Amino acid sequence: MEQLILLHEAKIYDLLGGQADPRLEASGVLAKDGIFYVIFDNLADVARLGSQLSGEDSGNRLIRQEHGHRRGFEDIAYDRLSDRFYVLIESLPRGGGRFMAKVQEYDESFRYQSDAWLDFPLQRPNKGLEGLTCVHRDGETHLLGLCEGNKCKAGTAGRTPGGGRIQVFRRGQNYWDRVGRIRLPTTLSFEDYSHRGRFVDHTLPDRSGFRQSQVDTE
């Protein structure tokens, strides 16, 4: 079995030179053009860090955000066709006792543009979508959302291994329509799932598209 080797590590607070509260709860990272973009569960601002992880890098900074939600962020994705960033909010109330995940959209300079629901019901505010990846098929942008619980359930049912799910969304008129799902192998004996790593690499042939045979359309 291949092993990952730790090459270097640094505290985000140190890299930012004290620009943020030391109690940062980093929840997602995206590598793009030699830059790491880091989001936080407890902070709306986005960290921009050089890949050398050096405190001397003058480009390290917090990209301040004045609009949108202020906390609850879980992952970050990038759409190379539209040059847009998407940040995932795990789960929010949507009336009638329902919960749904939401994504906030930013332009190429990380200026806030809008937000939209991911149209898939969730059971709880703290057991929703944990991972987000952007892919393209037939010229259309799709977002893939990784459920934290098995079979996208909360509680005991969600901790029963073998039911990993990725929900597939396509942009609709008012929100992201759910257009299918991907079943992860039942041999994955995880009680819950996280976005750590590019989960899409294990389910799709490449990052530009996906096969219809891998997606259950409902």
Protein backbone atom coordinates (compact mmCIF):
# COMPACT_ATOMS: atom_id res chain seq x y z
CA MET A 1 0.00 0.00 0.00
CA GLU A 2 1.32 3.42 -0.94
CA GLN A 3 1.94 5.89 1.84
CA LEU A 4 1.89 9.66 1.83
CA ILE A 5 5.06 11.30 3.13
CA LEU A 6 4.85 14.55 5.06
CA LEU A 7 7.23 17.02 3.41
CA HIS A 8 6.48 20.20 5.30
CA GLU A 9 3.95 21.68 7.67
CA ALA A 10 3.19 25.08 9.13
CA LYS A 11 0.55 26.73 11.27
CA ILE A 12 -1.88 28.80 9.22
CA TYR A 13 -1.92 31.47 11.92
CA ASP A 14 1.86 31.86 11.60
CA LEU A 15 1.70 32.02 7.80
CA LEU A 16 -0.85 34.83 8.05
CA GLY A 17 1.36 36.84 10.38
CA GLY A 18 -1.30 37.18 13.06
CA GLN A 19 -4.00 38.50 10.71
CA ALA A 20 -6.62 36.14 12.14
CA ASP A 21 -7.81 34.66 15.40
CA PRO A 22 -5.46 31.83 16.48
CA ARG A 23 -8.45 29.51 16.94
CA LEU A 24 -8.89 28.89 13.23
CA GLU A 25 -10.92 25.82 12.28
CA ALA A 26 -9.62 25.03 8.79
CA SER A 27 -12.12 22.84 6.94
CA GLY A 28 -11.16 22.80 3.26
CA VAL A 29 -8.26 23.60 0.94
CA LEU A 30 -7.91 24.07 -2.81
CA ALA A 31 -4.59 24.15 -4.69
CA LYS A 32 -4.60 26.35 -7.80
CA ASP A 33 -1.66 27.83 -9.74
CA GLY A 34 0.79 27.41 -6.88
CA ILE A 35 -1.59 28.93 -4.32
CA PHE A 36 -3.51 27.27 -1.49
CA TYR A 37 -6.97 28.68 -0.77
CA VAL A 38 -8.13 27.65 2.71
CA ILE A 39 -11.64 28.00 4.11
CA PHE A 40 -12.72 27.79 7.73
CA ASP A 41 -15.70 26.48 9.63
CA ASN A 42 -15.66 29.47 12.00
CA LEU A 43 -14.61 32.29 9.65
CA ALA A 44 -16.05 33.73 6.43
CA ASP A 45 -12.69 35.07 5.22
CA VAL A 46 -10.54 32.93 2.91
CA ALA A 47 -6.81 32.40 3.43
CA ARG A 48 -4.50 32.73 0.42
CA LEU A 49 -1.20 30.93 1.06
CA GLY A 50 1.86 30.30 -1.06
CA SER A 51 2.66 26.65 -1.68
CA GLN A 52 6.07 26.96 -0.01
CA LEU A 53 4.31 27.50 3.33
CA SER A 54 6.70 30.26 4.27
CA GLY A 55 5.87 33.00 6.73
CA GLU A 56 8.08 35.30 4.62
CA ASP A 57 5.75 35.03 1.61
CA SER A 58 4.32 38.51 1.09
CA GLY A 59 1.38 37.03 -0.82
CA ASN A 60 0.00 35.27 2.26
CA ARG A 61 -3.14 37.04 3.37
CA LEU A 62 -6.77 36.80 4.36
CA ILE A 63 -9.27 37.65 1.63
CA ARG A 64 -11.89 39.50 3.63
CA GLN A 65 -15.55 38.70 2.99
CA GLU A 66 -18.31 41.18 3.79
CA HIS A 67 -21.22 39.28 2.22
CA GLY A 68 -22.81 35.87 2.52
CA HIS A 69 -22.92 33.47 5.44
CA ARG A 70 -20.40 33.84 8.23
CA ARG A 71 -19.66 30.25 9.30
CA GLY A 72 -20.33 26.54 8.68
CA PHE A 73 -18.10 26.14 5.61
CA GLU A 74 -16.94 22.63 4.74
CA ASP A 75 -15.16 22.54 1.38
CA ILE A 76 -14.08 24.56 -1.64
CA ALA A 77 -14.11 23.79 -5.38
CA TYR A 78 -13.06 25.58 -8.56
CA ASP A 79 -14.73 25.72 -11.98
CA ARG A 80 -11.99 26.15 -14.58
CA LEU A 81 -14.45 26.92 -17.39
CA SER A 82 -16.18 29.86 -15.72
CA ASP A 83 -13.23 30.83 -13.47
CA ARG A 84 -15.46 30.63 -10.42
CA PHE A 85 -14.92 29.35 -6.89
CA TYR A 86 -17.61 27.53 -4.91
CA VAL A 87 -17.65 27.20 -1.12
CA LEU A 88 -19.87 24.58 0.51
CA ILE A 89 -22.03 25.16 3.59
CA GLU A 90 -22.75 21.77 5.11
CA SER A 91 -26.41 22.15 6.07
CA LEU A 92 -28.85 25.00 6.77
CA PRO A 93 -32.55 25.18 7.73
CA ARG A 94 -34.86 25.58 4.75
CA GLY A 95 -38.26 25.71 6.43
CA GLY A 96 -40.72 22.99 7.36
CA GLY A 97 -38.11 21.18 9.42
CA ARG A 98 -35.99 20.60 6.33
CA PHE A 99 -32.25 21.10 5.94
CA MET A 100 -30.19 21.51 2.79
CA ALA A 101 -26.63 22.33 1.88
CA LYS A 102 -25.80 25.58 0.09
CA VAL A 103 -22.93 26.86 -2.04
CA GLN A 104 -21.61 30.39 -2.24
CA GLU A 105 -20.10 31.51 -5.55
CA TYR A 106 -17.10 33.82 -5.95
CA ASP A 107 -15.39 35.31 -8.99
CA GLU A 108 -11.73 34.86 -9.97
CA SER A 109 -10.63 37.42 -7.36
CA PHE A 110 -12.73 35.79 -4.66
CA ARG A 111 -15.37 38.51 -4.68
CA TYR A 112 -18.73 37.20 -3.48
CA GLN A 113 -21.30 36.77 -6.27
CA SER A 114 -24.28 34.75 -5.02
CA ASP A 115 -25.46 31.67 -3.17
CA ALA A 116 -27.76 28.79 -4.12
CA TRP A 117 -29.24 25.72 -2.48
CA LEU A 118 -28.16 22.19 -3.35
CA ASP A 119 -31.59 20.64 -3.79
CA PHE A 120 -31.25 17.51 -1.68
CA PRO A 121 -32.94 17.01 1.74
CA LEU A 122 -30.77 16.43 4.80
CA GLN A 123 -31.83 15.20 8.22
CA ARG A 124 -29.78 17.43 10.51
CA PRO A 125 -27.84 20.70 10.50
CA ASN A 126 -24.59 19.01 11.50
CA LYS A 127 -24.76 15.90 9.29
CA GLY A 128 -24.84 17.07 5.70
CA LEU A 129 -22.50 17.37 2.75
CA GLU A 130 -18.82 17.28 3.63
CA GLY A 131 -17.03 17.44 0.28
CA LEU A 132 -17.40 19.38 -2.95
CA THR A 133 -15.85 18.88 -6.39
CA CYS A 134 -16.60 20.53 -9.73
CA VAL A 135 -16.65 18.51 -12.98
CA HIS A 136 -18.01 19.02 -16.50
CA ARG A 137 -20.12 16.85 -18.77
CA ASP A 138 -21.53 17.78 -22.19
CA GLY A 139 -20.34 21.34 -21.65
CA GLU A 140 -22.28 21.74 -18.40
CA THR A 141 -20.92 22.32 -14.92
CA HIS A 142 -21.81 19.76 -12.26
CA LEU A 143 -21.09 19.84 -8.54
CA LEU A 144 -20.46 16.59 -6.68
CA GLY A 145 -21.38 16.63 -3.00
CA LEU A 146 -20.03 13.93 -0.68
CA CYS A 147 -22.44 12.93 2.10
CA GLU A 148 -20.94 12.71 5.57
CA GLY A 149 -23.16 9.83 6.70
CA ASN A 150 -23.64 6.50 4.96
CA LYS A 151 -26.64 6.61 2.60
CA CYS A 152 -26.73 10.32 3.49
CA LYS A 153 -28.33 9.46 6.84
CA ALA A 154 -27.71 10.82 10.32
CA GLY A 155 -27.54 8.89 13.60
CA THR A 156 -27.01 5.14 13.81
CA ALA A 157 -28.10 4.53 10.21
CA GLY A 158 -25.46 6.93 8.95
CA ARG A 159 -22.72 5.12 10.87
CA THR A 160 -23.43 1.74 9.22
CA PRO A 161 -20.51 1.19 6.78
CA GLY A 162 -20.94 0.40 3.11
CA GLY A 163 -23.32 3.17 2.08
CA GLY A 164 -21.07 5.96 0.84
CA ARG A 165 -22.87 8.38 -1.49
CA ILE A 166 -21.96 11.30 -3.74
CA GLN A 167 -24.87 13.48 -4.89
CA VAL A 168 -24.66 15.01 -8.38
CA PHE A 169 -26.01 18.52 -9.02
CA ARG A 170 -26.48 20.64 -12.14
CA ARG A 171 -27.22 24.37 -12.08
CA GLY A 172 -30.92 25.11 -12.46
CA GLN A 173 -32.83 28.37 -12.69
CA ASN A 174 -32.95 29.08 -8.95
CA TYR A 175 -30.74 26.44 -7.33
CA TRP A 176 -28.56 23.43 -8.08
CA ASP A 177 -30.82 20.57 -9.19
CA ARG A 178 -29.98 17.09 -8.01
CA VAL A 179 -29.67 14.96 -11.16
CA GLY A 180 -28.20 11.73 -9.81
CA ARG A 181 -25.98 10.00 -7.31
CA ILE A 182 -22.82 7.91 -7.26
CA ARG A 183 -22.65 4.90 -4.97
CA LEU A 184 -19.23 4.38 -3.44
CA PRO A 185 -17.94 0.79 -3.16
CA THR A 186 -19.56 -1.15 -0.33
CA THR A 187 -16.11 -2.38 0.65
CA LEU A 188 -15.32 1.08 2.06
CA SER A 189 -15.87 0.37 5.74
CA PHE A 190 -16.16 3.97 6.94
CA GLU A 191 -18.64 5.12 9.57
CA ASP A 192 -18.63 8.56 8.00
CA TYR A 193 -16.94 10.44 5.18
CA SER A 194 -14.90 13.56 4.86
CA HIS A 195 -13.76 15.63 1.89
CA ARG A 196 -10.10 15.09 2.74
CA GLY A 197 -8.40 14.37 -0.56
CA ARG A 198 -9.91 14.47 -4.03
CA PHE A 199 -12.64 11.90 -3.58
CA VAL A 200 -13.65 12.31 -7.21
CA ASP A 201 -10.37 10.74 -8.36
CA HIS A 202 -11.54 7.37 -7.05
CA THR A 203 -14.91 7.42 -8.79
CA LEU A 204 -14.45 9.27 -12.09
CA PRO A 205 -12.12 8.68 -15.05
CA ASP A 206 -10.84 12.26 -15.04
CA ARG A 207 -11.70 15.71 -13.68
CA SER A 208 -13.30 16.94 -16.89
CA GLY A 209 -16.27 14.57 -17.11
CA PHE A 210 -17.92 11.41 -15.85
CA ARG A 211 -19.56 8.34 -17.28
CA GLN A 212 -23.34 8.04 -17.26
CA SER A 213 -23.01 4.42 -16.16
CA GLN A 214 -21.55 5.57 -12.84
CA VAL A 215 -24.47 7.80 -11.97
CA ASP A 216 -27.93 6.69 -10.80
CA THR A 217 -30.39 9.19 -12.29
CA GLU A 218 -33.64 9.58 -10.40
